[in-house]
Every structure is written in structure tokens, then in C-alpha cells.
Amino acid sequence: MASQAKTITRADLTEAVIREVGLPRNESAEMVESVIQEIAACLERGERVKISSFGTFNVRQKRERVGRNPKTGETVPIAPRRVIGFRPSNIMKERINKKLSRKQAAE
């Protein structure tokens, strides 16, 4: 049975930088915030963000389409919009699947 996965927050990432790099808390928090802001700014400009061995974030344009309200059945126009996608790298997929196969072998 699958257990509830922990949600990682900015504070968790800051703690990881403190542990791994040894920077003071305020500098670690600034570094995490800076990386997040840079990724967000690139995506806002429509740029692709590729993080080696992790994955690629990209922005796709979705066309206008007609949707349906499930309660009333009424058709509703859905405006065109941009959406963010993420494609994990093959290395990340392997890491995740290796962890899953070890977990299943232990059961």
C-alpha cells in the first residue's frame, strides 16, 4: 500500500542547502529563492528550462476550446492559455523506478 509522500517546501530546500553546502540560513534561503525566481522568469518568457539529470520544464500554448460544466451539462468556452509542462530526464526516471523496484522487492 502506498504511503502519503511528503511535500517538499522552500524551507526544506533551504535546509538541504545548509546541510550540503554549509551556507548560513539567510544565504541559503536567498539562493533557493534566486533559483526559483530565475526558473519562473524563464518560463514567463516562454523559454525552456533544462536541468541536466533532472528534467525539462517548458511552456505550451493551448488553443481555445469548448468545455462542459459536469453539473449542468452547459457548454462553456475555455480561453486560450499557456501551461507549464515537465518532462523528467531518463536518468531521473531510472532513479525513481530503481527506488520503486527496491521497495517492491522488500515487501
Protein backbone atom coordinates (compact mmCIF):
# COMPACT_ATOMS: atom_id res chain seq x y z
CA MET A 1 0.00 0.00 0.00
CA ALA A 2 1.38 3.42 -0.98
CA SER A 3 2.16 5.82 1.83
CA GLN A 4 1.49 9.55 1.68
CA ALA A 5 4.53 11.28 0.16
CA LYS A 6 5.99 14.28 1.98
CA THR A 7 5.65 17.64 0.24
CA ILE A 8 8.98 19.43 -0.07
CA THR A 9 8.85 23.17 0.62
CA ARG A 10 11.19 26.12 0.13
CA ALA A 11 12.19 25.71 3.77
CA ASP A 12 13.13 22.06 3.13
CA LEU A 13 15.24 23.09 0.14
CA THR A 14 16.90 25.78 2.26
CA GLU A 15 17.72 23.18 4.92
CA ALA A 16 19.24 20.94 2.24
CA VAL A 17 21.49 23.78 1.05
CA ILE A 18 22.55 24.46 4.64
CA ARG A 19 23.38 20.76 5.13
CA GLU A 20 25.11 20.16 1.80
CA VAL A 21 26.87 23.48 1.15
CA GLY A 22 27.21 24.85 4.67
CA LEU A 23 25.97 28.35 3.90
CA PRO A 24 24.23 30.35 6.63
CA ARG A 25 20.44 30.10 6.72
CA ASN A 26 19.75 33.55 5.22
CA GLU A 27 22.19 33.00 2.32
CA SER A 28 20.76 29.52 1.70
CA ALA A 29 17.22 30.91 1.61
CA GLU A 30 18.32 33.66 -0.80
CA MET A 31 19.98 31.07 -3.05
CA VAL A 32 16.88 28.85 -3.16
CA GLU A 33 14.65 31.87 -3.84
CA SER A 34 17.02 33.10 -6.56
CA VAL A 35 16.95 29.75 -8.38
CA ILE A 36 13.14 29.53 -8.18
CA GLN A 37 12.78 33.13 -9.41
CA GLU A 38 15.12 32.51 -12.35
CA ILE A 39 13.21 29.38 -13.41
CA ALA A 40 9.90 31.27 -13.15
CA ALA A 41 11.25 34.24 -15.14
CA CYS A 42 12.50 31.96 -17.93
CA LEU A 43 9.13 30.20 -18.12
CA GLU A 44 7.30 33.56 -18.20
CA ARG A 45 9.38 34.49 -21.25
CA GLY A 46 8.40 31.19 -22.87
CA GLU A 47 11.89 29.71 -22.58
CA ARG A 48 12.61 26.04 -21.93
CA VAL A 49 14.42 25.24 -18.66
CA LYS A 50 16.58 22.12 -18.82
CA ILE A 51 18.21 20.86 -15.63
CA SER A 52 20.66 18.11 -16.53
CA SER A 53 19.90 14.71 -14.95
CA PHE A 54 16.60 16.08 -13.64
CA GLY A 55 14.29 17.16 -16.43
CA THR A 56 12.93 19.91 -18.65
CA PHE A 57 10.23 22.48 -17.94
CA ASN A 58 8.52 24.03 -20.95
CA VAL A 59 5.60 26.29 -21.76
CA ARG A 60 2.95 25.15 -24.24
CA GLN A 61 0.22 27.22 -25.83
CA LYS A 62 -3.26 25.71 -25.58
CA ARG A 63 -5.92 26.77 -28.07
CA GLU A 64 -9.39 27.98 -27.18
CA ARG A 65 -11.81 25.09 -26.83
CA VAL A 66 -15.30 24.28 -25.67
CA GLY A 67 -15.70 22.60 -22.29
CA ARG A 68 -18.72 21.32 -20.47
CA ASN A 69 -19.87 22.00 -16.91
CA PRO A 70 -20.26 18.48 -15.46
CA LYS A 71 -23.07 19.51 -13.10
CA THR A 72 -25.29 21.35 -15.57
CA GLY A 73 -24.08 19.99 -18.91
CA GLU A 74 -23.81 23.58 -20.12
CA THR A 75 -21.06 24.25 -22.70
CA VAL A 76 -18.52 26.82 -21.64
CA PRO A 77 -15.74 28.36 -23.76
CA ILE A 78 -12.27 27.82 -22.32
CA ALA A 79 -9.93 30.67 -23.24
CA PRO A 80 -6.55 30.07 -24.86
CA ARG A 81 -3.79 29.86 -22.29
CA ARG A 82 -0.22 28.83 -21.65
CA VAL A 83 0.51 25.80 -19.49
CA ILE A 84 3.72 24.53 -17.93
CA GLY A 85 4.86 21.00 -18.67
CA PHE A 86 7.61 18.91 -17.13
CA ARG A 87 9.41 16.01 -18.75
CA PRO A 88 11.73 14.08 -16.44
CA SER A 89 15.12 13.04 -17.79
CA ASN A 90 15.84 9.37 -18.43
CA ILE A 91 18.28 9.44 -15.50
CA MET A 92 15.52 10.71 -13.18
CA LYS A 93 13.08 8.08 -14.48
CA GLU A 94 15.65 5.36 -13.81
CA ARG A 95 16.31 6.66 -10.28
CA ILE A 96 12.61 6.68 -9.46
CA ASN A 97 11.97 3.25 -10.94
CA LYS A 98 15.04 1.76 -9.24
CA LYS A 99 13.77 3.03 -5.89
CA LEU A 100 10.31 1.59 -6.64
CA SER A 101 11.68 -1.83 -7.62
CA ARG A 102 13.79 -1.99 -4.41
CA LYS A 103 10.70 -1.09 -2.37
CA GLN A 104 8.62 -3.81 -4.07
CA ALA A 105 11.38 -6.40 -3.57
CA ALA A 106 11.43 -5.65 0.15
CA GLU A 107 7.66 -6.30 0.50
